Amino acid sequence: MVSGATTGPSAADMAQMSQKMFKAMDTNGDGQISKAETQAFSDKMKARTGKQGPSVDQFFSQFDTDKSGSISQSEFDSANKQMMDKMKGMAMKMGANGGSTMNASGNTSNEDSTLLQLSAYSSTSGAGSSKEKDAQKSTSVYA
């Protein structure tokens, strides 16, 4: 292992970050994130950071796994875990490919592109402590 390298946030840190972000997005407190809440959160983050996150449809395609039209805490947690696992794999792939996640034809897959947008979106959410944000940055290709 390279000195100073990190393996990313622990499972406990990830669970805590996911819960905080979910709570920040679930503005009416009903235990579900609606498309309207997602759009409002996206607009708020764009105003604060100047960065555009994924579209609501992109976000829901990754997080609303039961296609109910809203996202539960368990869906959110599961999608965040899958996203972090995939990002760790991408980081390893980037290391093996000299920093590129492009396929043989020189393109980044649609799934990877959405994942990168979701990463940037979630890393600017303001959820979590500075320790958690630092851990999140260590696994983010946008850090």
N, C-alpha and C. Protein backbone atom coordinates (compact mmCIF):
# COMPACT_ATOMS: atom_id res chain seq x y z
N MET A 1 0.84 -1.20 0.00
CA MET A 1 0.00 0.00 0.00
C MET A 1 0.88 1.25 0.00
N VAL A 2 0.50 2.23 -0.73
CA VAL A 2 1.24 3.47 -0.82
C VAL A 2 1.00 4.28 0.44
N SER A 3 2.04 4.85 0.98
CA SER A 3 1.93 5.67 2.17
C SER A 3 0.95 6.81 1.94
N GLY A 4 0.03 7.00 2.88
CA GLY A 4 -0.95 8.07 2.78
C GLY A 4 -2.19 7.70 1.99
N ALA A 5 -2.21 6.54 1.35
CA ALA A 5 -3.39 6.12 0.59
C ALA A 5 -4.48 5.69 1.55
N THR A 6 -5.70 5.88 1.16
CA THR A 6 -6.82 5.47 2.00
C THR A 6 -7.68 4.48 1.26
N THR A 7 -8.40 3.71 2.04
CA THR A 7 -9.29 2.72 1.43
C THR A 7 -10.71 3.23 1.38
N GLY A 8 -10.93 4.44 1.84
CA GLY A 8 -12.27 4.99 1.80
C GLY A 8 -12.96 4.87 3.13
N PRO A 9 -14.21 5.30 3.17
CA PRO A 9 -14.95 5.30 4.42
C PRO A 9 -15.29 3.88 4.86
N SER A 10 -15.40 3.72 6.17
CA SER A 10 -15.81 2.43 6.72
C SER A 10 -17.30 2.22 6.44
N ALA A 11 -17.76 1.00 6.65
CA ALA A 11 -19.19 0.70 6.46
C ALA A 11 -20.03 1.55 7.41
N ALA A 12 -19.55 1.75 8.62
CA ALA A 12 -20.29 2.56 9.60
C ALA A 12 -20.37 4.02 9.15
N ASP A 13 -19.24 4.55 8.64
CA ASP A 13 -19.23 5.93 8.13
C ASP A 13 -20.19 6.08 6.96
N MET A 14 -20.18 5.08 6.06
CA MET A 14 -21.07 5.12 4.89
C MET A 14 -22.54 5.10 5.33
N ALA A 15 -22.87 4.25 6.29
CA ALA A 15 -24.25 4.17 6.77
C ALA A 15 -24.68 5.50 7.37
N GLN A 16 -23.79 6.11 8.15
CA GLN A 16 -24.11 7.39 8.77
C GLN A 16 -24.28 8.49 7.72
N MET A 17 -23.38 8.53 6.73
CA MET A 17 -23.49 9.53 5.67
C MET A 17 -24.78 9.34 4.88
N SER A 18 -25.12 8.10 4.59
CA SER A 18 -26.32 7.80 3.82
C SER A 18 -27.57 8.26 4.58
N GLN A 19 -27.60 7.99 5.87
CA GLN A 19 -28.75 8.39 6.68
C GLN A 19 -28.89 9.91 6.74
N LYS A 20 -27.77 10.60 6.88
CA LYS A 20 -27.81 12.07 6.94
C LYS A 20 -28.25 12.66 5.61
N MET A 21 -27.74 12.12 4.52
CA MET A 21 -28.13 12.65 3.22
C MET A 21 -29.61 12.36 2.95
N PHE A 22 -30.06 11.16 3.30
CA PHE A 22 -31.46 10.81 3.11
C PHE A 22 -32.34 11.80 3.88
N LYS A 23 -31.98 12.04 5.13
CA LYS A 23 -32.76 12.96 5.97
C LYS A 23 -32.78 14.38 5.38
N ALA A 24 -31.65 14.80 4.81
CA ALA A 24 -31.57 16.13 4.19
C ALA A 24 -32.47 16.22 2.96
N MET A 25 -32.59 15.11 2.23
CA MET A 25 -33.42 15.11 1.02
C MET A 25 -34.89 14.92 1.32
N ASP A 26 -35.23 14.15 2.37
CA ASP A 26 -36.61 13.85 2.74
C ASP A 26 -37.17 15.01 3.56
N THR A 27 -37.44 16.12 2.89
CA THR A 27 -37.80 17.36 3.59
C THR A 27 -39.14 17.30 4.30
N ASN A 28 -40.06 16.44 3.86
CA ASN A 28 -41.34 16.36 4.56
C ASN A 28 -41.34 15.27 5.63
N GLY A 29 -40.25 14.53 5.76
CA GLY A 29 -40.08 13.57 6.84
C GLY A 29 -40.98 12.34 6.76
N ASP A 30 -41.45 12.00 5.56
CA ASP A 30 -42.35 10.85 5.45
C ASP A 30 -41.63 9.52 5.24
N GLY A 31 -40.30 9.54 5.26
CA GLY A 31 -39.54 8.31 5.09
C GLY A 31 -39.36 7.90 3.64
N GLN A 32 -39.71 8.76 2.71
CA GLN A 32 -39.57 8.51 1.27
C GLN A 32 -39.04 9.78 0.62
N ILE A 33 -38.21 9.60 -0.39
CA ILE A 33 -37.75 10.75 -1.18
C ILE A 33 -38.53 10.74 -2.48
N SER A 34 -39.25 11.82 -2.72
CA SER A 34 -40.03 11.94 -3.95
C SER A 34 -39.20 12.60 -5.04
N LYS A 35 -39.73 12.57 -6.24
CA LYS A 35 -39.05 13.26 -7.35
C LYS A 35 -39.01 14.76 -7.09
N ALA A 36 -40.06 15.31 -6.52
CA ALA A 36 -40.08 16.75 -6.22
C ALA A 36 -39.02 17.10 -5.18
N GLU A 37 -38.85 16.26 -4.16
CA GLU A 37 -37.82 16.51 -3.15
C GLU A 37 -36.42 16.39 -3.77
N THR A 38 -36.26 15.44 -4.67
CA THR A 38 -34.98 15.27 -5.34
C THR A 38 -34.66 16.49 -6.19
N GLN A 39 -35.64 17.00 -6.93
CA GLN A 39 -35.43 18.18 -7.76
C GLN A 39 -35.10 19.39 -6.89
N ALA A 40 -35.82 19.56 -5.78
CA ALA A 40 -35.55 20.69 -4.89
C ALA A 40 -34.13 20.60 -4.32
N PHE A 41 -33.72 19.40 -3.93
CA PHE A 41 -32.38 19.21 -3.40
C PHE A 41 -31.33 19.50 -4.47
N SER A 42 -31.57 19.02 -5.67
CA SER A 42 -30.66 19.27 -6.79
C SER A 42 -30.52 20.76 -7.06
N ASP A 43 -31.65 21.47 -7.07
CA ASP A 43 -31.63 22.91 -7.31
C ASP A 43 -30.85 23.63 -6.21
N LYS A 44 -31.04 23.20 -4.96
CA LYS A 44 -30.34 23.79 -3.82
C LYS A 44 -28.83 23.57 -3.95
N MET A 45 -28.43 22.35 -4.32
CA MET A 45 -27.01 22.04 -4.46
C MET A 45 -26.39 22.81 -5.62
N LYS A 46 -27.13 22.95 -6.71
CA LYS A 46 -26.61 23.71 -7.86
C LYS A 46 -26.41 25.17 -7.47
N ALA A 47 -27.36 25.73 -6.73
CA ALA A 47 -27.24 27.12 -6.30
C ALA A 47 -26.06 27.31 -5.35
N ARG A 48 -25.82 26.30 -4.50
CA ARG A 48 -24.75 26.42 -3.52
C ARG A 48 -23.38 26.14 -4.13
N THR A 49 -23.29 25.18 -5.04
CA THR A 49 -21.98 24.74 -5.53
C THR A 49 -21.69 25.14 -6.96
N GLY A 50 -22.73 25.47 -7.72
CA GLY A 50 -22.55 25.75 -9.13
C GLY A 50 -22.44 24.49 -9.97
N LYS A 51 -22.52 23.31 -9.35
CA LYS A 51 -22.42 22.04 -10.06
C LYS A 51 -23.81 21.45 -10.28
N GLN A 52 -24.01 20.93 -11.47
CA GLN A 52 -25.28 20.27 -11.79
C GLN A 52 -25.13 18.78 -11.50
N GLY A 53 -25.98 18.25 -10.66
CA GLY A 53 -26.00 16.82 -10.39
C GLY A 53 -26.72 16.09 -11.51
N PRO A 54 -26.91 14.80 -11.33
CA PRO A 54 -27.65 14.04 -12.34
C PRO A 54 -29.09 14.51 -12.39
N SER A 55 -29.75 14.24 -13.49
CA SER A 55 -31.17 14.59 -13.58
C SER A 55 -31.95 13.73 -12.59
N VAL A 56 -33.14 14.16 -12.27
CA VAL A 56 -34.01 13.39 -11.38
C VAL A 56 -34.22 11.99 -11.93
N ASP A 57 -34.43 11.88 -13.24
CA ASP A 57 -34.63 10.57 -13.86
C ASP A 57 -33.39 9.69 -13.71
N GLN A 58 -32.20 10.26 -13.89
CA GLN A 58 -30.97 9.49 -13.70
C GLN A 58 -30.84 9.03 -12.26
N PHE A 59 -31.13 9.94 -11.34
CA PHE A 59 -31.04 9.62 -9.91
C PHE A 59 -32.01 8.49 -9.57
N PHE A 60 -33.24 8.61 -10.03
CA PHE A 60 -34.24 7.58 -9.73
C PHE A 60 -33.93 6.25 -10.41
N SER A 61 -33.32 6.29 -11.58
CA SER A 61 -32.98 5.02 -12.24
C SER A 61 -31.94 4.25 -11.42
N GLN A 62 -31.12 4.94 -10.67
CA GLN A 62 -30.11 4.28 -9.83
C GLN A 62 -30.63 3.94 -8.44
N PHE A 63 -31.53 4.74 -7.89
CA PHE A 63 -31.91 4.60 -6.49
C PHE A 63 -33.29 3.98 -6.27
N ASP A 64 -34.24 4.21 -7.16
CA ASP A 64 -35.60 3.69 -6.98
C ASP A 64 -35.69 2.28 -7.56
N THR A 65 -35.11 1.33 -6.85
CA THR A 65 -34.96 -0.02 -7.40
C THR A 65 -36.28 -0.77 -7.53
N ASP A 66 -37.29 -0.43 -6.71
CA ASP A 66 -38.58 -1.11 -6.85
C ASP A 66 -39.52 -0.37 -7.79
N LYS A 67 -39.04 0.74 -8.37
CA LYS A 67 -39.79 1.54 -9.35
C LYS A 67 -41.15 2.01 -8.82
N SER A 68 -41.16 2.35 -7.53
CA SER A 68 -42.40 2.81 -6.89
C SER A 68 -42.66 4.30 -7.11
N GLY A 69 -41.67 5.03 -7.58
CA GLY A 69 -41.82 6.47 -7.76
C GLY A 69 -41.32 7.26 -6.57
N SER A 70 -40.82 6.56 -5.54
CA SER A 70 -40.18 7.21 -4.40
C SER A 70 -39.06 6.30 -3.91
N ILE A 71 -38.17 6.88 -3.14
CA ILE A 71 -37.00 6.15 -2.66
C ILE A 71 -37.07 6.01 -1.15
N SER A 72 -37.02 4.76 -0.69
CA SER A 72 -37.02 4.49 0.76
C SER A 72 -35.60 4.59 1.30
N GLN A 73 -35.48 4.64 2.62
CA GLN A 73 -34.15 4.66 3.24
C GLN A 73 -33.36 3.43 2.85
N SER A 74 -33.99 2.25 2.83
CA SER A 74 -33.23 1.04 2.49
C SER A 74 -32.77 1.05 1.04
N GLU A 75 -33.60 1.55 0.12
CA GLU A 75 -33.17 1.68 -1.28
C GLU A 75 -31.99 2.65 -1.39
N PHE A 76 -32.10 3.75 -0.68
CA PHE A 76 -31.07 4.78 -0.70
C PHE A 76 -29.75 4.22 -0.17
N ASP A 77 -29.82 3.53 0.98
CA ASP A 77 -28.62 2.95 1.57
C ASP A 77 -27.99 1.91 0.64
N SER A 78 -28.82 1.06 0.08
CA SER A 78 -28.33 0.01 -0.81
C SER A 78 -27.68 0.61 -2.05
N ALA A 79 -28.31 1.60 -2.65
CA ALA A 79 -27.76 2.23 -3.85
C ALA A 79 -26.46 2.95 -3.53
N ASN A 80 -26.40 3.60 -2.38
CA ASN A 80 -25.16 4.28 -1.99
C ASN A 80 -24.03 3.27 -1.80
N LYS A 81 -24.32 2.14 -1.18
CA LYS A 81 -23.30 1.10 -0.98
C LYS A 81 -22.82 0.57 -2.33
N GLN A 82 -23.77 0.29 -3.22
CA GLN A 82 -23.39 -0.21 -4.54
C GLN A 82 -22.56 0.83 -5.29
N MET A 83 -22.94 2.10 -5.16
CA MET A 83 -22.22 3.17 -5.84
C MET A 83 -20.79 3.26 -5.30
N MET A 84 -20.62 3.19 -3.98
CA MET A 84 -19.29 3.27 -3.40
C MET A 84 -18.44 2.05 -3.78
N ASP A 85 -19.05 0.87 -3.78
CA ASP A 85 -18.32 -0.33 -4.20
C ASP A 85 -17.86 -0.20 -5.65
N LYS A 86 -18.75 0.30 -6.50
CA LYS A 86 -18.41 0.47 -7.91
C LYS A 86 -17.31 1.52 -8.07
N MET A 87 -17.40 2.59 -7.30
CA MET A 87 -16.38 3.64 -7.39
C MET A 87 -15.02 3.12 -6.94
N LYS A 88 -15.00 2.28 -5.91
CA LYS A 88 -13.73 1.69 -5.49
C LYS A 88 -13.16 0.86 -6.62
N GLY A 89 -14.02 0.11 -7.30
CA GLY A 89 -13.59 -0.68 -8.45
C GLY A 89 -13.08 0.21 -9.57
N MET A 90 -13.78 1.33 -9.81
CA MET A 90 -13.34 2.27 -10.85
C MET A 90 -11.99 2.87 -10.49
N ALA A 91 -11.80 3.19 -9.20
CA ALA A 91 -10.52 3.76 -8.78
C ALA A 91 -9.40 2.77 -9.01
N MET A 92 -9.67 1.50 -8.71
CA MET A 92 -8.67 0.47 -8.95
C MET A 92 -8.41 0.32 -10.45
N LYS A 93 -9.48 0.37 -11.25
CA LYS A 93 -9.37 0.26 -12.70
C LYS A 93 -8.59 1.45 -13.26
N MET A 94 -8.85 2.64 -12.70
CA MET A 94 -8.14 3.83 -13.16
C MET A 94 -6.65 3.69 -12.88
N GLY A 95 -6.32 3.14 -11.72
CA GLY A 95 -4.91 2.93 -11.39
C GLY A 95 -4.25 1.98 -12.37
N ALA A 96 -4.98 0.94 -12.75
CA ALA A 96 -4.45 -0.06 -13.68
C ALA A 96 -4.40 0.48 -15.11
N ASN A 97 -5.24 1.47 -15.42
CA ASN A 97 -5.32 2.01 -16.78
C ASN A 97 -4.72 3.41 -16.89
N GLY A 98 -3.85 3.76 -15.98
CA GLY A 98 -3.20 5.07 -16.05
C GLY A 98 -4.14 6.23 -15.84
N GLY A 99 -5.22 6.04 -15.06
CA GLY A 99 -6.13 7.12 -14.72
C GLY A 99 -7.35 7.23 -15.59
N SER A 100 -7.60 6.25 -16.46
CA SER A 100 -8.74 6.32 -17.36
C SER A 100 -9.76 5.23 -17.06
N THR A 101 -11.05 5.58 -17.15
CA THR A 101 -12.11 4.58 -17.05
C THR A 101 -12.74 4.34 -18.41
N MET A 102 -12.09 4.82 -19.46
CA MET A 102 -12.65 4.67 -20.81
C MET A 102 -12.52 3.23 -21.28
N ASN A 103 -13.49 2.82 -22.09
CA ASN A 103 -13.43 1.49 -22.68
C ASN A 103 -12.51 1.51 -23.91
N ALA A 104 -12.41 0.37 -24.57
CA ALA A 104 -11.48 0.24 -25.70
C ALA A 104 -11.76 1.24 -26.82
N SER A 105 -13.01 1.67 -26.96
CA SER A 105 -13.34 2.62 -28.01
C SER A 105 -13.14 4.07 -27.58
N GLY A 106 -12.65 4.27 -26.34
CA GLY A 106 -12.36 5.62 -25.87
C GLY A 106 -13.54 6.33 -25.25
N ASN A 107 -14.61 5.60 -24.90
CA ASN A 107 -15.80 6.19 -24.31
C ASN A 107 -15.97 5.72 -22.87
N THR A 108 -16.58 6.55 -22.06
CA THR A 108 -16.98 6.16 -20.72
C THR A 108 -18.41 5.64 -20.82
N SER A 109 -18.70 4.51 -20.18
CA SER A 109 -20.04 3.94 -20.28
C SER A 109 -21.08 4.87 -19.68
N ASN A 110 -22.33 4.76 -20.12
CA ASN A 110 -23.41 5.58 -19.57
C ASN A 110 -23.55 5.36 -18.07
N GLU A 111 -23.42 4.09 -17.64
CA GLU A 111 -23.53 3.78 -16.22
C GLU A 111 -22.43 4.47 -15.43
N ASP A 112 -21.18 4.41 -15.94
CA ASP A 112 -20.08 5.06 -15.26
C ASP A 112 -20.24 6.58 -15.26
N SER A 113 -20.74 7.13 -16.35
CA SER A 113 -20.97 8.57 -16.43
C SER A 113 -22.00 9.02 -15.39
N THR A 114 -23.11 8.28 -15.28
CA THR A 114 -24.13 8.59 -14.27
C THR A 114 -23.54 8.44 -12.88
N LEU A 115 -22.74 7.40 -12.67
CA LEU A 115 -22.11 7.17 -11.38
C LEU A 115 -21.21 8.34 -11.00
N LEU A 116 -20.44 8.84 -11.96
CA LEU A 116 -19.57 9.98 -11.68
C LEU A 116 -20.39 11.21 -11.32
N GLN A 117 -21.51 11.42 -12.01
CA GLN A 117 -22.38 12.56 -11.68
C GLN A 117 -22.97 12.39 -10.30
N LEU A 118 -23.43 11.17 -9.96
CA LEU A 118 -23.99 10.92 -8.64
C LEU A 118 -22.95 11.14 -7.56
N SER A 119 -21.72 10.75 -7.84
CA SER A 119 -20.64 10.94 -6.88
C SER A 119 -20.42 12.43 -6.62
N ALA A 120 -20.35 13.20 -7.67
CA ALA A 120 -20.15 14.63 -7.52
C ALA A 120 -21.32 15.25 -6.79
N TYR A 121 -22.51 14.80 -7.10
CA TYR A 121 -23.74 15.28 -6.48
C TYR A 121 -23.73 14.98 -4.99
N SER A 122 -23.42 13.74 -4.63
CA SER A 122 -23.48 13.36 -3.22
C SER A 122 -22.32 13.96 -2.44
N SER A 123 -21.16 14.16 -3.07
CA SER A 123 -20.02 14.69 -2.35
C SER A 123 -20.18 16.18 -2.04
N THR A 124 -21.12 16.86 -2.65
CA THR A 124 -21.35 18.28 -2.37
C THR A 124 -22.63 18.49 -1.59
N SER A 125 -23.19 17.42 -1.04
CA SER A 125 -24.50 17.52 -0.38
C SER A 125 -24.45 18.24 0.95
N GLY A 126 -23.28 18.29 1.56
CA GLY A 126 -23.19 18.92 2.87
C GLY A 126 -23.54 17.96 3.99
N ALA A 127 -23.90 16.73 3.68
CA ALA A 127 -24.23 15.74 4.70
C ALA A 127 -22.95 15.17 5.27
N GLY A 128 -22.92 15.02 6.58
CA GLY A 128 -21.79 14.34 7.21
C GLY A 128 -20.77 15.30 7.77
N SER A 129 -19.90 14.75 8.62
CA SER A 129 -18.85 15.53 9.26
C SER A 129 -17.70 15.76 8.28
N SER A 130 -16.74 16.59 8.69
CA SER A 130 -15.59 16.81 7.82
C SER A 130 -14.79 15.53 7.66
N LYS A 131 -14.75 14.68 8.69
CA LYS A 131 -14.06 13.39 8.58
C LYS A 131 -14.75 12.53 7.52
N GLU A 132 -16.08 12.52 7.54
CA GLU A 132 -16.83 11.74 6.57
C GLU A 132 -16.63 12.30 5.16
N LYS A 133 -16.60 13.62 5.05
CA LYS A 133 -16.39 14.24 3.74
C LYS A 133 -15.01 13.90 3.21
N ASP A 134 -13.99 13.90 4.10
CA ASP A 134 -12.64 13.53 3.67
C ASP A 134 -12.61 12.08 3.23
N ALA A 135 -13.31 11.20 3.95
CA ALA A 135 -13.36 9.80 3.58
C ALA A 135 -14.06 9.64 2.23
N GLN A 136 -15.13 10.42 2.05
CA GLN A 136 -15.87 10.35 0.78
C GLN A 136 -14.98 10.80 -0.37
N LYS A 137 -14.21 11.86 -0.16
CA LYS A 137 -13.33 12.37 -1.20
C LYS A 137 -12.27 11.35 -1.57
N SER A 138 -11.86 10.53 -0.61
CA SER A 138 -10.79 9.57 -0.89
C SER A 138 -11.22 8.51 -1.88
N THR A 139 -12.53 8.32 -2.05
CA THR A 139 -13.01 7.32 -3.00
C THR A 139 -13.66 7.95 -4.23
N SER A 140 -13.70 9.28 -4.27
CA SER A 140 -14.37 9.96 -5.36
C SER A 140 -13.38 10.37 -6.44
N VAL A 141 -13.71 10.05 -7.68
CA VAL A 141 -12.85 10.47 -8.78
C VAL A 141 -12.99 11.95 -9.06
N TYR A 142 -13.96 12.61 -8.42
CA TYR A 142 -14.14 14.05 -8.59
C TYR A 142 -13.46 14.83 -7.48
N ALA A 143 -12.85 14.16 -6.53
CA ALA A 143 -12.29 14.84 -5.36
C ALA A 143 -11.16 15.78 -5.75
